[in-house]
């Protein structure tokens, strides 16, 4: 079994971290984020996203 991460898992971790940074930036600036929900574009607060973000 390999101890090093695969390219796929490294990319996935990098994207997850980048998304979290964007959400945190929006939280600090007070700007909402646009998300796709139930077939529509919806603006939501960064705090709401962070509560549900894993």
N, C-alpha and C. Protein backbone atom coordinates (compact mmCIF):
# COMPACT_ATOMS: atom_id res chain seq x y z
N UNK A 1 0.85 -1.18 0.00
CA UNK A 1 0.00 0.00 0.00
C UNK A 1 0.89 1.24 0.00
N UNK A 2 0.53 2.23 -0.81
CA UNK A 2 1.30 3.45 -0.91
C UNK A 2 1.04 4.37 0.28
N UNK A 3 2.09 5.03 0.74
CA UNK A 3 1.93 6.03 1.77
C UNK A 3 1.69 7.40 1.19
N UNK A 4 2.15 7.62 -0.05
CA UNK A 4 1.97 8.92 -0.67
C UNK A 4 0.58 9.03 -1.27
N UNK A 5 0.09 10.27 -1.30
CA UNK A 5 -1.23 10.52 -1.86
C UNK A 5 -1.19 10.43 -3.38
N UNK A 6 -2.28 10.01 -3.94
CA UNK A 6 -2.38 9.98 -5.39
C UNK A 6 -2.61 11.40 -5.91
N UNK A 7 -2.38 11.59 -7.18
CA UNK A 7 -2.61 12.89 -7.80
C UNK A 7 -4.07 13.30 -7.62
N UNK A 8 -4.98 12.35 -7.77
CA UNK A 8 -6.40 12.63 -7.62
C UNK A 8 -6.73 13.13 -6.21
N UNK A 9 -6.22 12.48 -5.20
CA UNK A 9 -6.53 12.89 -3.83
C UNK A 9 -5.88 14.22 -3.49
N UNK A 10 -4.70 14.50 -4.06
CA UNK A 10 -4.06 15.81 -3.85
C UNK A 10 -4.89 16.92 -4.49
N UNK A 11 -5.38 16.67 -5.70
CA UNK A 11 -6.19 17.66 -6.39
C UNK A 11 -7.49 17.91 -5.65
N UNK A 12 -8.12 16.84 -5.18
CA UNK A 12 -9.37 16.97 -4.44
C UNK A 12 -9.17 17.78 -3.16
N UNK A 13 -8.08 17.53 -2.44
CA UNK A 13 -7.79 18.27 -1.22
C UNK A 13 -7.51 19.75 -1.52
N UNK A 14 -6.81 20.02 -2.61
CA UNK A 14 -6.49 21.40 -2.99
C UNK A 14 -7.76 22.17 -3.35
N UNK A 15 -8.66 21.53 -4.09
CA UNK A 15 -9.92 22.19 -4.47
C UNK A 15 -10.76 22.45 -3.23
N UNK A 16 -10.84 21.49 -2.34
CA UNK A 16 -11.62 21.66 -1.11
C UNK A 16 -11.08 22.84 -0.29
N UNK A 17 -9.76 22.94 -0.18
CA UNK A 17 -9.15 24.04 0.57
C UNK A 17 -9.42 25.37 -0.12
N UNK A 18 -9.34 25.41 -1.44
CA UNK A 18 -9.59 26.65 -2.18
C UNK A 18 -11.03 27.11 -1.99
N UNK A 19 -11.97 26.19 -2.02
CA UNK A 19 -13.38 26.54 -1.82
C UNK A 19 -13.58 27.10 -0.42
N UNK A 20 -12.97 26.47 0.57
CA UNK A 20 -13.10 26.96 1.94
C UNK A 20 -12.54 28.37 2.07
N UNK A 21 -11.41 28.65 1.41
CA UNK A 21 -10.82 29.99 1.46
C UNK A 21 -11.75 31.02 0.82
N UNK A 22 -12.40 30.67 -0.27
CA UNK A 22 -13.34 31.60 -0.92
C UNK A 22 -14.52 31.88 0.01
N UNK A 23 -15.04 30.85 0.64
CA UNK A 23 -16.17 31.03 1.55
C UNK A 23 -15.75 31.92 2.73
N UNK A 24 -14.58 31.67 3.29
CA UNK A 24 -14.09 32.50 4.40
C UNK A 24 -13.91 33.96 3.97
N UNK A 25 -13.40 34.16 2.75
CA UNK A 25 -13.24 35.53 2.24
C UNK A 25 -14.59 36.23 2.15
N UNK A 26 -15.58 35.54 1.64
CA UNK A 26 -16.92 36.12 1.54
C UNK A 26 -17.50 36.40 2.93
N UNK A 27 -17.19 35.56 3.88
CA UNK A 27 -17.67 35.78 5.25
C UNK A 27 -17.08 37.08 5.80
N UNK A 28 -15.78 37.26 5.60
CA UNK A 28 -15.11 38.46 6.13
C UNK A 28 -15.54 39.74 5.43
N UNK A 29 -15.91 39.64 4.16
CA UNK A 29 -16.33 40.83 3.42
C UNK A 29 -17.83 41.05 3.47
N UNK A 30 -18.57 40.07 4.01
CA UNK A 30 -20.02 40.21 4.13
C UNK A 30 -20.76 40.00 2.82
N UNK A 31 -20.10 39.42 1.84
CA UNK A 31 -20.73 39.20 0.54
C UNK A 31 -21.36 37.81 0.49
N UNK A 32 -22.55 37.69 -0.08
CA UNK A 32 -23.16 36.37 -0.22
C UNK A 32 -22.50 35.59 -1.36
N UNK A 33 -22.77 34.31 -1.38
CA UNK A 33 -22.27 33.44 -2.44
C UNK A 33 -23.44 32.96 -3.29
N UNK A 34 -23.20 32.80 -4.57
CA UNK A 34 -24.22 32.28 -5.47
C UNK A 34 -24.05 30.77 -5.55
N UNK A 35 -25.14 30.05 -5.32
CA UNK A 35 -25.12 28.59 -5.45
C UNK A 35 -26.30 28.16 -6.31
N UNK A 36 -26.22 26.96 -6.83
CA UNK A 36 -27.29 26.37 -7.63
C UNK A 36 -28.08 25.47 -6.70
N UNK A 37 -29.39 25.76 -6.55
CA UNK A 37 -30.21 24.99 -5.63
C UNK A 37 -31.59 24.79 -6.24
N UNK A 38 -31.99 23.55 -6.34
CA UNK A 38 -33.31 23.20 -6.89
C UNK A 38 -33.54 23.81 -8.26
N UNK A 39 -32.51 23.80 -9.09
CA UNK A 39 -32.63 24.30 -10.46
C UNK A 39 -32.63 25.80 -10.60
N UNK A 40 -32.28 26.52 -9.52
CA UNK A 40 -32.26 27.98 -9.57
C UNK A 40 -30.98 28.52 -8.93
N UNK A 41 -30.61 29.73 -9.36
CA UNK A 41 -29.50 30.43 -8.74
C UNK A 41 -30.00 31.08 -7.47
N UNK A 42 -29.31 30.83 -6.36
CA UNK A 42 -29.72 31.36 -5.05
C UNK A 42 -28.53 32.03 -4.40
N UNK A 43 -28.74 33.18 -3.79
CA UNK A 43 -27.69 33.87 -3.04
C UNK A 43 -27.83 33.50 -1.57
N UNK A 44 -26.74 33.03 -0.97
CA UNK A 44 -26.77 32.62 0.43
C UNK A 44 -25.58 33.23 1.17
N UNK A 45 -25.74 33.39 2.48
CA UNK A 45 -24.65 33.95 3.28
C UNK A 45 -23.53 32.92 3.44
N UNK A 46 -22.35 33.42 3.63
CA UNK A 46 -21.21 32.53 3.86
C UNK A 46 -21.40 31.75 5.15
N UNK A 47 -22.03 32.35 6.15
CA UNK A 47 -22.26 31.65 7.40
C UNK A 47 -23.14 30.42 7.19
N UNK A 48 -24.15 30.54 6.36
CA UNK A 48 -25.02 29.39 6.08
C UNK A 48 -24.23 28.28 5.38
N UNK A 49 -23.39 28.66 4.46
CA UNK A 49 -22.58 27.67 3.74
C UNK A 49 -21.62 26.97 4.73
N UNK A 50 -20.97 27.75 5.58
CA UNK A 50 -20.01 27.18 6.53
C UNK A 50 -20.66 26.22 7.51
N UNK A 51 -21.89 26.47 7.89
CA UNK A 51 -22.60 25.55 8.79
C UNK A 51 -22.77 24.18 8.15
N UNK A 52 -22.93 24.16 6.82
CA UNK A 52 -23.19 22.90 6.11
C UNK A 52 -21.96 22.34 5.40
N UNK A 53 -20.86 23.08 5.38
CA UNK A 53 -19.66 22.66 4.64
C UNK A 53 -18.84 21.68 5.46
N UNK A 54 -18.51 20.58 4.87
CA UNK A 54 -17.68 19.59 5.56
C UNK A 54 -16.38 19.42 4.82
